């Protein structure tokens, strides 16, 4: 009985550590806005030739100027399977 319990505990611990290794790592991108969605900020932005997804959960900070084509920005987010970035935070950097 003790061996079975120990095996179960070890297998469970190994499963959790393997799961943690599969979590995507937060990315940081510094770039220039090349394209914004028409008439709003939610949607897909093109930043230095990279598609960046902006949704209601994305924190947007315009302390160093407005979001506009040509503005320098810092982006933090998670990589998506299609190569885009799901943004968690975007701030101007001018």
Protein backbone atom coordinates (compact mmCIF):
# COMPACT_ATOMS: atom_id res chain seq x y z
CA UNK A 1 0.00 0.00 0.00
CA UNK A 2 2.80 2.47 0.85
CA UNK A 3 4.56 1.73 -2.43
CA UNK A 4 1.37 2.38 -4.40
CA UNK A 5 0.80 5.70 -2.61
CA UNK A 6 4.42 6.76 -3.17
CA UNK A 7 4.18 5.85 -6.86
CA UNK A 8 0.97 7.85 -7.20
CA UNK A 9 2.52 10.88 -5.48
CA UNK A 10 5.62 10.73 -7.69
CA UNK A 11 3.59 10.30 -10.86
CA UNK A 12 1.36 13.22 -9.92
CA UNK A 13 4.35 15.46 -9.13
CA UNK A 14 6.00 14.53 -12.42
CA UNK A 15 2.76 15.32 -14.27
CA UNK A 16 2.51 18.77 -12.70
CA UNK A 17 6.12 19.64 -13.49
CA UNK A 18 5.66 18.49 -17.08
CA UNK A 19 2.49 20.60 -17.33
CA UNK A 20 4.30 23.66 -15.94
CA UNK A 21 7.02 23.28 -18.57
CA UNK A 22 4.36 23.46 -21.32
CA UNK A 23 3.06 26.86 -20.18
CA UNK A 24 3.95 29.60 -22.68
CA UNK A 25 6.50 32.15 -21.60
CA UNK A 26 5.63 35.85 -21.51
CA UNK A 27 7.19 37.63 -24.50
CA UNK A 28 8.51 41.19 -24.72
CA UNK A 29 8.46 42.99 -28.07
CA UNK A 30 9.75 46.51 -28.71
CA UNK A 31 8.62 47.85 -32.03
CA UNK A 32 6.78 50.37 -34.17
CA UNK A 33 3.05 50.31 -34.87
CA UNK A 34 2.58 49.66 -38.58
CA UNK A 35 -1.19 49.15 -38.64
CA UNK A 36 -4.14 49.57 -36.25
CA UNK A 37 -7.72 48.27 -36.55
CA UNK A 38 -10.01 50.78 -38.28
CA UNK A 39 -11.68 53.16 -35.84
CA UNK A 40 -10.86 51.31 -32.62
CA UNK A 41 -8.03 49.80 -30.59
CA UNK A 42 -9.43 46.28 -30.14
CA UNK A 43 -8.41 43.79 -32.80
CA UNK A 44 -5.18 42.91 -34.57
CA UNK A 45 -2.32 45.41 -34.60
CA UNK A 46 0.76 45.02 -36.77
CA UNK A 47 3.87 45.91 -34.78
CA UNK A 48 7.24 45.55 -36.50
CA UNK A 49 5.81 42.92 -38.89
CA UNK A 50 4.26 40.91 -36.03
CA UNK A 51 0.50 40.40 -35.54
CA UNK A 52 -0.50 41.44 -32.02
CA UNK A 53 -3.99 40.62 -30.71
CA UNK A 54 -5.53 43.30 -28.48
CA UNK A 55 -8.70 42.45 -26.54
CA UNK A 56 -10.67 43.79 -23.56
CA UNK A 57 -8.15 42.25 -21.13
CA UNK A 58 -5.15 44.02 -22.71
CA UNK A 59 -3.85 46.87 -20.54
CA UNK A 60 -3.19 49.89 -22.80
CA UNK A 61 -0.96 52.72 -21.53
CA UNK A 62 -0.53 55.93 -23.54
CA UNK A 63 1.64 57.82 -21.04
CA UNK A 64 4.32 58.62 -23.65
CA UNK A 65 1.95 59.61 -26.45
CA UNK A 66 -1.09 58.24 -28.28
CA UNK A 67 -1.29 54.93 -30.11
CA UNK A 68 -0.83 55.76 -33.79
CA UNK A 69 0.92 54.36 -36.83
CA UNK A 70 4.63 55.10 -36.41
CA UNK A 71 4.54 55.17 -32.59
CA UNK A 72 7.15 53.16 -30.70
CA UNK A 73 5.63 50.68 -28.24
CA UNK A 74 6.57 48.01 -25.72
CA UNK A 75 4.40 44.89 -25.89
CA UNK A 76 4.10 42.07 -23.39
CA UNK A 77 2.07 38.99 -24.18
CA UNK A 78 1.91 35.30 -24.91
CA UNK A 79 2.81 33.55 -28.17
CA UNK A 80 -0.07 31.96 -30.08
CA UNK A 81 0.12 28.82 -32.26
CA UNK A 82 -0.27 30.91 -35.44
CA UNK A 83 2.80 33.03 -34.56
CA UNK A 84 0.87 36.07 -33.33
CA UNK A 85 1.09 37.53 -29.81
CA UNK A 86 -1.87 37.80 -27.42
CA UNK A 87 -1.04 41.14 -25.76
CA UNK A 88 -1.42 41.53 -22.00
CA UNK A 89 0.11 45.03 -21.93
CA UNK A 90 1.05 47.64 -24.54
CA UNK A 91 2.56 50.99 -23.69
CA UNK A 92 3.88 53.82 -25.82
CA UNK A 93 7.62 54.42 -25.68
CA UNK A 94 8.37 57.77 -27.32
